[in-house]
Amino acid sequence: MPGRRVLLTSPLQPIGGCSPDVYSWNKTPGAVRLFLSFLSHPGLCFLGANLPVETLEYPSRQDFERALETPPDVLGISFHINESEIALTMAQQARARGVKEVWAGNYGAYNPEIAWAFDRVFTGWSEHAVAQALGLDATPREIVHPELYGVLGTSFKAPVILSGTLYTSRGCPWTCNFCQTPDFYGKPAPIPLAEIERIVRVYRGRGIRTLNILDENFGTFKTHAKHVVELLHGYGMRWLALTRVDTLTDNFDHWLAHGLLGAHLGIESLNDASLGGAKKRVTQDCMVDLLQRMSRNNLFVQAFYILGFEQDTVRSIQEDIRKLAALDIDLVQVQVLTPYPGTPQRAMIEQQYGIFDRNLSKYNSRNLVWNHPNITSEQMKELQFWADRQLSTTPRALRTLAKIVAYGGTSRFSAGGLRMFARAFSPAMRQLSAELAPRIAAARAWSRRGWQPYEEYRPDEAITPRRLPLSTQRTASAH
C-alpha cells in the first residue's frame, strides 16, 4: 500500500471546525455561560503526526464533500458509537465517489455488529496497527506527540483562554463495569518523558501556559506522573488533569504545589450503593472531602455524573442532584447510564433487564435505552434536563470566573488569573489565535447554541443518517 493516498476524518458536524461543548452538554445556555471545546481531534492528530496520512478534523458536510472531489484511495473514519449512523452514511457516500477502502476507528469501531460495513477496523491508539495496514515498518518506536489545542471561553466578549492538550500515558488499569476503556485500549503504557518535555517546550514557545492532561487516569504510573508534574512546574505551566478521586486525593498536596489548576473527575454518583455496583472503589464521603479541599483552593472542577444506576429512583436522583448542586463544581456532564458494547454492565443489563432501544444514535449518554426497574425513559429524559438546570446556572458560572480571574486557582486573591487573560495579547498568543481563529469562532457558535445530540439534528444541518439498529448484522465478516 505504500504510495496510496489515505485520508482520516471524524464524523460531520453541523458547525464544523471543533468539537461541541463536550464537557458540560448543557442544552440551555444561560445569561453567563462557560464553554470548553476541543479545537484539535486527538486521535487524528496523533495519527497525522506519526504516519504519512492526511487528516480532516471535525468537518462540515461541505468540507467532506470537497475532500471527496479528489477521492483518496482509503478513507478512515474515527467515530463514537452514537456517530455510527453518520459514519456509515459517510462510508456509503465515499464508496459512491470512488473510494476503494473505508476503515473504521475509535469507540464506534468497538462494535462487532457494524464491522461488515468497513474494510478494516482499528481499536485503541492505532499508530502501529495503521502503519502495518499501510505496509510500513510497524516496529514500535517512540510516539510523536502532536500540538493539540482546546479553548475555554465565556458568553462575554472577552478573549478566550487557549490551552494545550497533553497525554502522558495511554490506557487505564481500572475496571469500572460501565467503561469500555480498559479493553479498548489494552495494556496501559506511559509516554516517554523526553517526548513530553519536547511538546511542552513547543507549547511554551507558542505562548501556552495552561495544559489539559487527558490521560484516561493521570497518576496511573505514580513515579512517571511525579516526574511529569515536576517537569511542568519547571516550565511554569498550570495544568488540569483527568484523573480519579482517589488518585487526586493521594497526590493532592504534591500536585497543588506543582501547578495544579483543576481536574476532570468521574464523580458518577453520590449514592454509595451505586458506586459499589459500578466498582468505583471510592465512597461519597471521599468525593465530598476532595471537592471541599479543591473549593478551598479555588481549583476548577469538571465532573462526570451518571443517572440511572439500577438502584436509582426518581426521588433518589433528585436528592443526589440537590447534594451535587450544593458542592462547588464548575461544569457537570450529566450522563444517562448507557450499556455500551463490550462492558460487563451491558452483559448484566441484557440478562437481568433487557434493552428496548437499539438505535445507535441514541447511545450517547442522553437516552435511557434499557428497561430500568424504577424509571421510565420519559422520566429519565426530564430528570436529565432538570439536573442540567440545577447544575448549569449563572451564579455557578460567575463563581468559576472568580476562581480564574480573582484567585488564579489559589487559596488567596491573586493576579495570576488576570495574567492568564492578559497573555492572550502577547505576540505568540496573538499569532496562535489567528491560526486557530476559524475553530475558535466555531466553538463560540456551539456555545450560543448549546450541545445537540445527533438524533436531534435537523435535515438541513447534517447529512441524513441511514437508520441502522444496533442488532442489525450481516453474515459476512469484515473485509
Protein backbone atom coordinates (compact mmCIF):
# COMPACT_ATOMS: atom_id res chain seq x y z
CA MET A 1 0.00 0.00 0.00
CA PRO A 2 2.92 2.47 0.08
CA GLY A 3 2.18 5.47 -2.14
CA ARG A 4 -1.58 5.27 -1.75
CA ARG A 5 -3.43 8.36 -0.56
CA VAL A 6 -5.06 7.93 2.85
CA LEU A 7 -7.49 10.46 4.35
CA LEU A 8 -8.53 10.09 8.00
CA THR A 9 -11.52 12.07 9.25
CA SER A 10 -14.09 12.38 12.03
CA PRO A 11 -17.89 12.49 11.63
CA LEU A 12 -19.60 15.51 10.16
CA GLN A 13 -20.55 18.41 12.40
CA PRO A 14 -23.32 20.93 11.71
CA ILE A 15 -20.80 23.52 12.97
CA GLY A 16 -17.50 22.37 11.54
CA GLY A 17 -14.07 23.17 12.94
CA CYS A 18 -14.21 21.97 16.55
CA SER A 19 -15.97 19.55 18.85
CA PRO A 20 -19.24 20.50 20.52
CA ASP A 21 -19.07 21.66 24.13
CA VAL A 22 -18.11 18.18 25.24
CA TYR A 23 -17.55 18.93 28.91
CA SER A 24 -20.90 20.27 30.04
CA TRP A 25 -23.53 19.07 27.50
CA ASN A 26 -25.69 21.97 28.60
CA LYS A 27 -28.57 22.34 26.14
CA THR A 28 -29.90 25.61 27.52
CA PRO A 29 -27.20 28.31 27.50
CA GLY A 30 -27.76 30.81 30.28
CA ALA A 31 -27.06 34.54 30.54
CA VAL A 32 -23.50 33.82 31.65
CA ARG A 33 -22.10 30.74 30.02
CA LEU A 34 -18.82 28.86 30.01
CA PHE A 35 -17.80 26.61 27.18
CA LEU A 36 -14.93 24.23 26.59
CA SER A 37 -14.25 22.66 23.23
CA PHE A 38 -11.55 20.65 21.54
CA LEU A 39 -10.03 22.57 18.66
CA SER A 40 -7.91 19.55 17.71
CA HIS A 41 -9.02 15.93 17.31
CA PRO A 42 -6.57 13.93 19.48
CA GLY A 43 -6.73 10.58 17.70
CA LEU A 44 -6.46 12.01 14.18
CA CYS A 45 -3.67 14.38 15.17
CA PHE A 46 -1.58 11.57 16.68
CA LEU A 47 -2.03 9.51 13.50
CA GLY A 48 -1.19 12.51 11.33
CA ALA A 49 1.96 13.27 13.34
CA ASN A 50 3.25 9.70 13.17
CA LEU A 51 2.17 8.41 9.75
CA PRO A 52 2.08 9.60 6.10
CA VAL A 53 -1.67 10.29 6.09
CA GLU A 54 -3.91 13.31 5.60
CA THR A 55 -6.43 14.32 8.28
CA LEU A 56 -9.72 16.22 8.23
CA GLU A 57 -10.85 17.17 11.74
CA TYR A 58 -14.45 17.97 12.68
CA PRO A 59 -15.57 18.58 9.08
CA SER A 60 -18.81 20.19 7.98
CA ARG A 61 -20.77 18.49 5.24
CA GLN A 62 -19.25 20.95 2.75
CA ASP A 63 -15.73 20.17 3.99
CA PHE A 64 -16.30 16.46 3.47
CA GLU A 65 -17.81 16.87 0.02
CA ARG A 66 -14.84 18.98 -1.07
CA ALA A 67 -12.45 16.31 0.24
CA LEU A 68 -14.17 13.70 -1.95
CA GLU A 69 -13.81 15.77 -5.11
CA THR A 70 -10.43 14.07 -5.47
CA PRO A 71 -11.23 10.73 -3.83
CA PRO A 72 -8.50 9.22 -1.65
CA ASP A 73 -7.59 5.56 -2.05
CA VAL A 74 -8.50 4.97 1.59
CA LEU A 75 -10.91 6.84 3.85
CA GLY A 76 -10.65 6.23 7.60
CA ILE A 77 -13.44 7.44 9.91
CA SER A 78 -12.85 7.89 13.66
CA PHE A 79 -16.22 7.86 15.41
CA HIS A 80 -18.10 7.12 18.62
CA ILE A 81 -20.97 4.65 18.80
CA ASN A 82 -23.68 7.35 18.67
CA GLU A 83 -21.99 8.63 15.50
CA SER A 84 -22.17 5.22 13.81
CA GLU A 85 -25.04 6.08 11.50
CA ILE A 86 -23.27 9.24 10.37
CA ALA A 87 -20.08 7.22 9.77
CA LEU A 88 -21.98 4.57 7.80
CA THR A 89 -23.54 7.22 5.58
CA MET A 90 -20.14 8.86 5.04
CA ALA A 91 -18.71 5.46 4.08
CA GLN A 92 -21.53 4.88 1.62
CA GLN A 93 -21.02 8.33 0.10
CA ALA A 94 -17.25 7.77 -0.18
CA ARG A 95 -17.65 4.45 -1.97
CA ALA A 96 -20.09 6.04 -4.40
CA ARG A 97 -17.40 8.65 -5.19
CA GLY A 98 -14.78 6.02 -5.95
CA VAL A 99 -13.02 5.46 -2.60
CA LYS A 100 -11.75 1.87 -2.72
CA GLU A 101 -11.34 1.16 1.01
CA VAL A 102 -13.09 2.55 4.08
CA TRP A 103 -11.64 2.00 7.56
CA ALA A 104 -13.21 2.46 11.00
CA GLY A 105 -11.60 3.53 14.26
CA ASN A 106 -12.32 4.85 17.77
CA TYR A 107 -15.04 3.57 20.11
CA GLY A 108 -17.58 3.32 17.30
CA ALA A 109 -15.41 0.63 15.72
CA TYR A 110 -15.54 -1.27 19.00
CA ASN A 111 -18.84 -2.78 17.97
CA PRO A 112 -18.70 -6.06 16.01
CA GLU A 113 -22.24 -5.57 14.74
CA ILE A 114 -21.19 -2.90 12.22
CA ALA A 115 -17.80 -4.35 11.23
CA TRP A 116 -19.29 -5.68 7.98
CA ALA A 117 -19.52 -2.10 6.65
CA PHE A 118 -15.76 -1.46 6.77
CA ASP A 119 -12.71 -2.97 5.11
CA ARG A 120 -10.59 -2.65 8.26
CA VAL A 121 -11.40 -1.93 11.89
CA PHE A 122 -8.96 -0.39 14.40
CA THR A 123 -9.43 -0.02 18.15
CA GLY A 124 -7.40 1.88 20.73
CA TRP A 125 -4.47 4.10 19.85
CA SER A 126 -3.66 2.71 16.42
CA GLU A 127 -0.42 4.18 15.10
CA HIS A 128 1.32 0.80 14.86
CA ALA A 129 -1.71 -1.06 13.51
CA VAL A 130 -2.31 1.58 10.82
CA ALA A 131 1.38 1.55 9.91
CA GLN A 132 1.15 -2.18 9.38
CA ALA A 133 -2.01 -1.76 7.25
CA LEU A 134 -0.14 0.78 5.15
CA GLY A 135 2.69 -1.66 4.57
CA LEU A 136 5.11 0.44 6.60
CA ASP A 137 7.55 -0.60 9.31
CA ALA A 138 5.28 -1.18 12.29
CA THR A 139 8.12 -1.82 14.72
CA PRO A 140 7.19 0.03 17.94
CA ARG A 141 9.02 3.33 18.26
CA GLU A 142 8.60 6.41 20.34
CA ILE A 143 5.34 8.19 19.63
CA VAL A 144 5.49 11.80 18.42
CA HIS A 145 3.10 13.97 20.45
CA PRO A 146 1.33 16.50 18.18
CA GLU A 147 0.20 20.00 19.06
CA LEU A 148 -3.37 19.78 20.38
CA TYR A 149 -5.43 22.76 21.47
CA GLY A 150 -8.60 23.42 23.44
CA VAL A 151 -10.45 26.58 24.39
CA LEU A 152 -12.23 27.93 27.46
CA GLY A 153 -14.50 30.86 26.77
CA THR A 154 -17.48 32.77 28.12
CA SER A 155 -20.59 34.42 26.71
CA PHE A 156 -18.86 37.78 27.29
CA LYS A 157 -16.95 39.50 24.53
CA ALA A 158 -13.66 38.66 26.18
CA PRO A 159 -10.58 36.78 24.99
CA VAL A 160 -10.77 33.03 25.22
CA ILE A 161 -8.16 31.03 27.12
CA LEU A 162 -6.29 28.63 24.88
CA SER A 163 -4.81 25.53 26.43
CA GLY A 164 -2.56 22.79 25.17
CA THR A 165 -3.75 19.19 25.44
CA LEU A 166 -1.21 16.74 26.83
CA TYR A 167 -1.16 12.94 27.03
CA THR A 168 1.40 11.46 29.41
CA SER A 169 0.13 7.86 29.31
CA ARG A 170 -2.35 5.67 27.49
CA GLY A 171 -4.88 3.15 28.73
CA CYS A 172 -6.38 2.50 32.16
CA PRO A 173 -5.97 -0.48 34.53
CA TRP A 174 -9.18 0.16 36.48
CA THR A 175 -12.28 -1.97 35.86
CA CYS A 176 -15.38 0.21 36.33
CA ASN A 177 -18.10 -2.02 34.94
CA PHE A 178 -19.69 0.68 32.75
CA CYS A 179 -16.46 1.64 30.96
CA GLN A 180 -15.10 0.34 27.64
CA THR A 181 -11.65 1.86 28.10
CA PRO A 182 -9.57 -0.93 29.70
CA ASP A 183 -10.38 -3.49 27.00
CA PHE A 184 -10.50 -0.92 24.18
CA TYR A 185 -7.02 0.49 24.79
CA GLY A 186 -5.31 -2.62 26.10
CA LYS A 187 -2.36 -2.57 28.45
CA PRO A 188 -1.59 0.91 29.86
CA ALA A 189 1.73 2.46 28.90
CA PRO A 190 3.46 5.78 29.67
CA ILE A 191 4.67 8.22 27.04
CA PRO A 192 8.41 8.86 27.45
CA LEU A 193 9.36 11.92 29.47
CA ALA A 194 11.67 13.15 26.72
CA GLU A 195 8.74 13.41 24.29
CA ILE A 196 6.56 15.05 26.92
CA GLU A 197 9.25 17.65 27.55
CA ARG A 198 9.63 18.29 23.82
CA ILE A 199 5.93 19.05 23.31
CA VAL A 200 5.82 21.16 26.49
CA ARG A 201 8.65 23.29 25.06
CA VAL A 202 6.64 23.64 21.84
CA TYR A 203 3.56 24.76 23.76
CA ARG A 204 5.57 27.25 25.79
CA GLY A 205 7.08 28.70 22.62
CA ARG A 206 3.54 29.18 21.29
CA GLY A 207 2.61 31.21 24.36
CA ILE A 208 0.67 28.44 26.11
CA ARG A 209 0.89 28.37 29.91
CA THR A 210 -2.12 26.13 30.67
CA LEU A 211 -2.23 22.42 29.87
CA ASN A 212 -5.09 19.95 29.95
CA ILE A 213 -3.82 16.43 30.73
CA LEU A 214 -6.29 13.97 29.25
CA ASP A 215 -4.84 10.59 30.14
CA GLU A 216 -7.62 8.14 30.94
CA ASN A 217 -6.41 8.38 34.54
CA PHE A 218 -3.47 10.67 35.18
CA GLY A 219 -1.43 9.23 38.01
CA THR A 220 -1.73 5.59 36.94
CA PHE A 221 2.07 5.46 36.71
CA LYS A 222 2.98 7.04 40.04
CA THR A 223 6.68 7.71 39.56
CA HIS A 224 6.17 8.81 35.96
CA ALA A 225 3.37 11.21 36.98
CA LYS A 226 5.58 12.66 39.73
CA HIS A 227 8.29 13.43 37.17
CA VAL A 228 5.70 14.93 34.80
CA VAL A 229 4.28 17.40 37.35
CA GLU A 230 7.77 18.46 38.36
CA LEU A 231 8.67 18.96 34.69
CA LEU A 232 5.54 21.07 34.11
CA HIS A 233 6.25 23.13 37.20
CA GLY A 234 9.77 23.75 35.96
CA TYR A 235 8.35 25.21 32.73
CA GLY A 236 5.92 27.43 34.64
CA MET A 237 2.82 25.56 33.50
CA ARG A 238 -0.55 25.46 35.25
CA TRP A 239 -2.44 22.30 34.48
CA LEU A 240 -5.65 20.32 34.85
CA ALA A 241 -5.86 16.53 34.76
CA LEU A 242 -8.40 13.86 34.00
CA THR A 243 -8.00 11.56 36.99
CA ARG A 244 -9.73 9.54 39.68
CA VAL A 245 -10.97 10.89 43.00
CA ASP A 246 -8.74 8.54 44.99
CA THR A 247 -5.70 9.27 42.81
CA LEU A 248 -6.08 13.02 43.23
CA THR A 249 -6.70 12.62 46.96
CA ASP A 250 -3.46 10.67 47.37
CA ASN A 251 -1.42 13.22 45.38
CA PHE A 252 -3.24 16.43 46.27
CA ASP A 253 -0.56 18.30 48.19
CA HIS A 254 2.27 17.44 45.77
CA TRP A 255 0.23 18.30 42.70
CA LEU A 256 -1.08 21.53 44.23
CA ALA A 257 2.47 22.65 44.95
CA HIS A 258 3.44 21.93 41.35
CA GLY A 259 0.89 23.88 39.35
CA LEU A 260 -2.44 22.03 39.70
CA LEU A 261 -5.23 24.28 38.40
CA GLY A 262 -8.13 21.82 38.43
CA ALA A 263 -9.34 18.37 37.47
CA HIS A 264 -11.84 16.38 35.45
CA LEU A 265 -13.33 13.81 37.82
CA GLY A 266 -15.61 10.82 37.46
CA ILE A 267 -17.96 11.51 40.36
CA GLU A 268 -20.53 9.14 38.73
CA SER A 269 -22.88 9.05 41.74
CA LEU A 270 -23.39 10.30 45.29
CA ASN A 271 -25.04 7.01 46.19
CA ASP A 272 -22.65 4.54 47.82
CA ALA A 273 -24.72 1.55 46.68
CA SER A 274 -24.46 2.69 43.06
CA LEU A 275 -20.74 3.36 43.42
CA GLY A 276 -20.22 -0.13 44.78
CA GLY A 277 -22.23 -1.68 41.97
CA ALA A 278 -20.13 0.19 39.43
CA LYS A 279 -16.92 -0.98 41.14
CA LYS A 280 -15.66 2.60 41.55
CA ARG A 281 -13.86 1.73 44.80
CA VAL A 282 -14.49 5.18 46.29
CA THR A 283 -17.16 6.48 48.65
CA GLN A 284 -19.41 9.53 48.73
CA ASP A 285 -17.53 10.90 51.76
CA CYS A 286 -14.20 10.64 49.93
CA MET A 287 -15.62 12.56 46.97
CA VAL A 288 -17.15 15.31 49.08
CA ASP A 289 -13.94 15.72 51.12
CA LEU A 290 -11.89 16.13 47.94
CA LEU A 291 -14.34 18.62 46.40
CA GLN A 292 -14.23 20.71 49.56
CA ARG A 293 -10.42 20.76 49.51
CA MET A 294 -10.50 21.84 45.87
CA SER A 295 -13.03 24.56 46.65
CA ARG A 296 -10.85 25.98 49.43
CA ASN A 297 -8.05 26.32 46.90
CA ASN A 298 -10.35 27.69 44.15
CA LEU A 299 -9.48 24.87 41.78
CA PHE A 300 -11.53 24.26 38.65
CA VAL A 301 -13.68 21.12 38.79
CA GLN A 302 -15.42 19.42 35.90
CA ALA A 303 -17.36 16.31 36.87
CA PHE A 304 -18.95 13.37 35.07
CA TYR A 305 -22.16 12.24 36.77
CA ILE A 306 -24.34 9.26 35.83
CA LEU A 307 -28.11 8.97 36.25
CA GLY A 308 -29.86 5.63 36.22
CA PHE A 309 -27.92 3.02 38.15
CA GLU A 310 -30.25 0.12 38.87
CA GLN A 311 -30.67 1.23 42.49
CA ASP A 312 -31.76 4.76 41.46
CA THR A 313 -35.29 6.08 41.68
CA VAL A 314 -36.73 9.43 40.60
CA ARG A 315 -36.65 10.59 44.21
CA SER A 316 -33.11 9.35 44.94
CA ILE A 317 -31.77 11.07 41.82
CA GLN A 318 -33.45 14.33 42.78
CA GLU A 319 -31.97 14.12 46.28
CA ASP A 320 -28.49 13.32 44.95
CA ILE A 321 -28.56 16.13 42.37
CA ARG A 322 -29.51 18.62 45.07
CA LYS A 323 -26.49 17.44 47.07
CA LEU A 324 -24.31 17.78 43.96
CA ALA A 325 -25.65 21.29 43.25
CA ALA A 326 -24.63 22.36 46.76
CA LEU A 327 -20.99 21.48 46.00
CA ASP A 328 -18.50 23.78 44.31
CA ILE A 329 -18.32 22.15 40.87
CA ASP A 330 -17.84 24.30 37.80
CA LEU A 331 -19.13 22.10 34.99
CA VAL A 332 -21.05 18.84 35.22
CA GLN A 333 -21.62 16.47 32.34
CA VAL A 334 -24.81 14.67 33.36
CA GLN A 335 -24.99 11.28 31.64
CA VAL A 336 -27.74 8.69 31.45
CA LEU A 337 -26.39 5.22 32.18
CA THR A 338 -25.88 3.53 28.82
CA PRO A 339 -24.92 -0.15 28.41
CA TYR A 340 -22.09 0.19 25.91
CA PRO A 341 -20.86 -2.83 23.91
CA GLY A 342 -18.02 -4.81 25.45
CA THR A 343 -18.71 -3.81 29.06
CA PRO A 344 -19.67 -6.10 31.97
CA GLN A 345 -22.53 -3.72 32.69
CA ARG A 346 -24.08 -4.37 29.28
CA ALA A 347 -23.99 -8.14 29.77
CA MET A 348 -25.66 -7.76 33.19
CA ILE A 349 -28.36 -5.41 31.89
CA GLU A 350 -29.16 -7.58 28.88
CA GLN A 351 -29.53 -10.62 31.12
CA GLN A 352 -31.45 -9.04 34.01
CA TYR A 353 -33.49 -6.22 32.44
CA GLY A 354 -33.27 -6.23 28.66
CA ILE A 355 -32.54 -3.46 26.14
CA PHE A 356 -35.52 -1.96 24.29
CA ASP A 357 -33.89 0.67 22.05
CA ARG A 358 -31.10 -0.32 19.68
CA ASN A 359 -30.92 2.87 17.63
CA LEU A 360 -27.19 3.59 17.56
CA SER A 361 -27.59 7.37 17.56
CA LYS A 362 -29.19 7.17 20.99
CA TYR A 363 -26.12 5.54 22.57
CA ASN A 364 -24.78 8.94 23.58
CA SER A 365 -25.43 9.02 27.35
CA ARG A 366 -28.53 11.14 26.73
CA ASN A 367 -31.14 8.38 26.41
CA LEU A 368 -32.41 5.50 28.53
CA VAL A 369 -32.23 2.50 26.17
CA TRP A 370 -32.83 -0.34 28.66
CA ASN A 371 -35.64 -1.44 30.95
CA HIS A 372 -34.79 0.38 34.17
CA PRO A 373 -36.60 -1.20 37.14
CA ASN A 374 -37.70 2.14 38.64
CA ILE A 375 -37.59 4.87 35.99
CA THR A 376 -39.23 5.22 32.55
CA SER A 377 -37.41 6.67 29.54
CA GLU A 378 -39.65 9.77 29.65
CA GLN A 379 -38.90 10.30 33.33
CA MET A 380 -35.18 9.88 32.70
CA LYS A 381 -35.16 12.48 29.92
CA GLU A 382 -36.89 15.01 32.16
CA LEU A 383 -34.58 14.15 35.07
CA GLN A 384 -31.56 14.88 32.91
CA PHE A 385 -32.95 18.22 31.75
CA TRP A 386 -33.87 19.07 35.33
CA ALA A 387 -30.39 18.14 36.56
CA ASP A 388 -28.82 20.35 33.87
CA ARG A 389 -30.96 23.26 35.06
CA GLN A 390 -29.80 22.76 38.65
CA LEU A 391 -26.14 22.48 37.72
CA SER A 392 -25.67 24.94 34.83
CA THR A 393 -26.55 28.30 36.35
CA THR A 394 -25.36 31.87 36.04
CA PRO A 395 -24.20 32.04 39.70
CA ARG A 396 -22.11 28.90 39.16
CA ALA A 397 -20.54 30.40 36.03
CA LEU A 398 -19.73 33.61 37.89
CA ARG A 399 -18.13 31.60 40.71
CA THR A 400 -15.94 29.86 38.13
CA LEU A 401 -14.88 33.18 36.60
CA ALA A 402 -13.95 34.40 40.08
CA LYS A 403 -11.79 31.32 40.60
CA ILE A 404 -9.94 32.03 37.38
CA VAL A 405 -9.75 35.83 37.40
CA ALA A 406 -9.60 36.74 41.09
CA TYR A 407 -7.79 33.73 42.51
CA GLY A 408 -5.97 32.09 39.60
CA GLY A 409 -6.59 28.69 41.15
CA THR A 410 -5.04 29.59 44.53
CA SER A 411 -6.43 29.88 48.04
CA ARG A 412 -5.97 33.66 48.17
CA PHE A 413 -6.60 36.61 45.89
CA SER A 414 -4.03 36.54 43.09
CA ALA A 415 -3.20 38.43 39.93
CA GLY A 416 -2.43 35.14 38.20
CA GLY A 417 -5.85 34.90 36.65
CA LEU A 418 -5.64 38.38 35.16
CA ARG A 419 -2.24 37.50 33.74
CA MET A 420 -3.83 34.42 32.19
CA PHE A 421 -6.27 36.60 30.26
CA ALA A 422 -3.65 39.27 29.53
CA ARG A 423 -1.42 36.62 27.97
CA ALA A 424 -3.92 36.45 25.11
CA PHE A 425 -2.41 39.72 23.87
CA SER A 426 1.18 38.50 23.78
CA PRO A 427 2.72 38.26 20.28
CA ALA A 428 2.97 34.45 20.38
CA MET A 429 -0.64 34.01 21.53
CA ARG A 430 -1.96 36.51 19.01
CA GLN A 431 -0.30 34.51 16.26
CA LEU A 432 -1.67 31.21 17.60
CA SER A 433 -5.16 32.69 18.00
CA ALA A 434 -5.04 33.92 14.40
CA GLU A 435 -4.12 30.43 13.19
CA LEU A 436 -6.97 28.91 15.20
CA ALA A 437 -9.48 31.71 14.52
CA PRO A 438 -11.99 29.65 12.46
CA ARG A 439 -12.02 26.92 15.10
CA ILE A 440 -12.43 29.42 17.94
CA ALA A 441 -15.34 31.00 16.05
CA ALA A 442 -16.93 27.55 15.70
CA ALA A 443 -16.57 26.97 19.46
CA ARG A 444 -18.28 30.28 20.17
CA ALA A 445 -21.11 29.28 17.82
CA TRP A 446 -21.53 25.99 19.68
CA SER A 447 -21.66 27.89 22.99
CA ARG A 448 -24.53 30.07 21.77
CA ARG A 449 -26.44 27.08 20.55
CA GLY A 450 -25.87 24.53 23.31
CA TRP A 451 -24.86 20.92 22.84
CA GLN A 452 -27.10 18.91 20.50
CA PRO A 453 -27.11 15.13 20.06
CA TYR A 454 -27.11 13.57 16.62
CA GLU A 455 -30.67 12.29 16.69
CA GLU A 456 -31.87 15.88 17.12
CA TYR A 457 -30.17 17.35 14.05
CA ARG A 458 -32.49 18.93 11.53
CA PRO A 459 -32.07 17.52 7.99
CA ASP A 460 -30.62 20.78 6.68
CA GLU A 461 -27.83 20.78 9.25
CA ALA A 462 -26.09 17.49 8.50
CA ILE A 463 -26.35 14.56 6.18
CA THR A 464 -29.38 12.42 6.90
CA PRO A 465 -28.07 9.24 8.51
CA ARG A 466 -29.20 5.85 7.32
CA ARG A 467 -31.11 4.07 10.07
CA LEU A 468 -29.31 1.01 11.34
CA PRO A 469 -30.48 -0.74 14.51
CA LEU A 470 -27.77 -2.00 16.83
CA SER A 471 -28.85 -5.60 16.30
CA THR A 472 -28.54 -5.50 12.51
CA GLN A 473 -25.74 -7.70 11.23
CA ARG A 474 -24.66 -9.34 8.01
CA THR A 475 -23.25 -12.80 7.88
CA ALA A 476 -20.15 -11.57 6.06
CA SER A 477 -17.19 -10.74 8.25
CA ALA A 478 -15.09 -7.58 7.96
CA HIS A 479 -13.15 -7.42 4.73
